[in-house]
Structures are given as C-alpha cells and as structure tokens.
C-alpha cells in the first residue's frame, strides 16, 4: 500500500496530493497489525478478508463523500476535511488488511 501511494495510486483515486503518501504511512502499518491479529485470532481467514474488503469499500465511500463536501464548502467545512483525511487512512488500513489476509496461511 505504501508503494502504491508513493507511485500515485491513492492520489489518482481521490486523495489529496499533500496527504497521498502520509495516509498510507499511517494506515498500512495499522492494517498489517490488524491482519496479524486476525490471522492468529480466528480460523475464518477468508471471512475476515471479505469483511476487510467490504470495510475498504465503505471507507472509500466515506473519503469520497468527505472530499465532495469539502470541495463544495470551498475548504471551509472542517469536518468534511477530517472525513476525507481519516477516510483515506481507513482505506489504507483495510486494503492492507485485505491483501495480507488473502495471502495463503503457512502451516
């Protein structure tokens, strides 16, 4: 996820250019920790991966809504800006979790 953000994927999907790598540097390590916990805490790895994928989609929708509201307010709606920023952190977190949980489990 960090490499994708550095290469501009998050920016091309709607993240703010100033935050595009910062959100990945915050969200990806947290997502890796969550994936490790889920991998060892539950037997339902694919169910957890599907749940993380759904949460990625919800976080992406939340970030898009924040971006739209923030732009419509001419950068005056602080809550919309926070929704945009934290939504992208959640996208990085849950996308990392999804990708890590889709890797085969070693025995």
Protein backbone atom coordinates (compact mmCIF):
# COMPACT_ATOMS: atom_id res chain seq x y z
CA UNK A 1 0.00 0.00 0.00
CA UNK A 2 2.83 2.39 0.78
CA UNK A 3 4.45 1.71 -2.59
CA UNK A 4 1.12 2.24 -4.35
CA UNK A 5 0.69 5.58 -2.57
CA UNK A 6 4.23 6.66 -3.45
CA UNK A 7 3.56 5.76 -7.09
CA UNK A 8 0.43 7.95 -7.01
CA UNK A 9 -2.41 5.40 -6.88
CA UNK A 10 -4.15 6.97 -3.89
CA UNK A 11 -3.83 10.43 -5.42
CA UNK A 12 -5.33 9.25 -8.69
CA UNK A 13 -8.25 7.70 -6.74
CA UNK A 14 -9.04 10.99 -5.00
CA UNK A 15 -6.68 11.51 -2.08
CA UNK A 16 -5.32 14.99 -1.54
CA UNK A 17 -1.87 15.35 -3.18
CA UNK A 18 -0.34 16.61 0.07
CA UNK A 19 -1.69 13.65 2.08
CA UNK A 20 -1.40 10.88 -0.50
CA UNK A 21 1.66 9.19 1.00
CA UNK A 22 1.06 10.24 4.59
CA UNK A 23 -2.24 8.36 4.77
CA UNK A 24 -0.52 5.16 3.63
CA UNK A 25 2.30 5.60 6.14
CA UNK A 26 -0.30 5.78 8.91
CA UNK A 27 -2.87 3.25 7.70
CA UNK A 28 -0.72 0.47 6.24
CA UNK A 29 1.21 -0.44 9.43
CA UNK A 30 -2.04 -0.45 11.42
CA UNK A 31 -3.59 -2.69 8.77
CA UNK A 32 -0.64 -5.07 8.94
CA UNK A 33 -1.03 -5.35 12.71
CA UNK A 34 -4.77 -5.96 12.32
CA UNK A 35 -4.10 -8.68 9.74
CA UNK A 36 -1.63 -10.41 12.05
CA UNK A 37 -4.12 -10.34 14.90
CA UNK A 38 -6.94 -11.64 12.70
CA UNK A 39 -4.75 -14.34 11.19
CA UNK A 40 -3.89 -15.80 14.60
CA UNK A 41 -7.10 -15.00 16.47
CA UNK A 42 -9.60 -16.58 14.11
CA UNK A 43 -9.92 -19.64 11.93
CA UNK A 44 -12.07 -17.76 9.40
CA UNK A 45 -9.33 -16.09 7.37
CA UNK A 46 -11.37 -15.71 4.17
CA UNK A 47 -14.37 -14.35 6.05
CA UNK A 48 -12.12 -11.78 7.70
CA UNK A 49 -10.61 -10.89 4.31
CA UNK A 50 -14.10 -10.39 2.85
CA UNK A 51 -15.12 -8.22 5.82
CA UNK A 52 -11.96 -6.12 5.38
CA UNK A 53 -12.75 -5.77 1.66
CA UNK A 54 -16.25 -4.52 2.45
CA UNK A 55 -14.81 -2.09 5.01
CA UNK A 56 -12.35 -0.87 2.37
CA UNK A 57 -15.25 -0.04 0.10
CA UNK A 58 -17.11 1.75 2.89
CA UNK A 59 -14.00 3.74 3.80
CA UNK A 60 -13.52 4.70 0.16
CA UNK A 61 -17.13 5.90 0.00
CA UNK A 62 -16.62 7.85 3.23
CA UNK A 63 -13.48 9.50 1.86
CA UNK A 64 -15.22 10.38 -1.39
CA UNK A 65 -18.15 11.92 0.50
CA UNK A 66 -15.75 13.97 2.63
CA UNK A 67 -13.90 15.17 -0.46
CA UNK A 68 -17.13 16.20 -2.17
CA UNK A 69 -18.42 18.07 0.88
CA UNK A 70 -15.05 19.72 1.47
CA UNK A 71 -14.81 20.95 -2.11
CA UNK A 72 -18.42 22.16 -2.12
CA UNK A 73 -17.76 24.23 1.01
CA UNK A 74 -14.74 25.95 -0.60
CA UNK A 75 -12.45 24.34 2.01
CA UNK A 76 -14.35 25.74 4.99
CA UNK A 77 -16.03 22.57 6.30
CA UNK A 78 -13.51 21.21 8.79
CA UNK A 79 -15.50 18.05 9.48
CA UNK A 80 -15.64 17.20 5.79
CA UNK A 81 -11.87 17.65 5.55
CA UNK A 82 -11.38 15.33 8.51
CA UNK A 83 -13.77 12.81 6.97
CA UNK A 84 -11.73 12.92 3.76
CA UNK A 85 -8.41 12.54 5.60
CA UNK A 86 -9.42 9.82 8.06
CA UNK A 87 -11.39 8.05 5.35
CA UNK A 88 -8.22 7.65 3.33
CA UNK A 89 -6.35 6.36 6.38
CA UNK A 90 -9.11 3.77 6.79
CA UNK A 91 -8.82 2.85 3.10
CA UNK A 92 -5.09 2.20 3.52
CA UNK A 93 -5.69 0.27 6.74
CA UNK A 94 -8.41 -2.04 5.41
CA UNK A 95 -6.81 -2.51 1.98
CA UNK A 96 -3.59 -3.63 3.67
CA UNK A 97 -5.57 -5.95 5.92
CA UNK A 98 -7.42 -7.42 2.94
CA UNK A 99 -4.25 -8.04 0.95
CA UNK A 100 -2.43 -9.57 3.91
CA UNK A 101 -5.33 -11.89 4.75
CA UNK A 102 -5.56 -13.09 1.14
CA UNK A 103 -2.04 -14.50 1.33
CA UNK A 104 -2.01 -18.26 1.95
CA UNK A 105 -1.58 -19.34 5.54
CA UNK A 106 1.70 -21.12 6.26
CA UNK A 107 1.49 -24.18 8.44
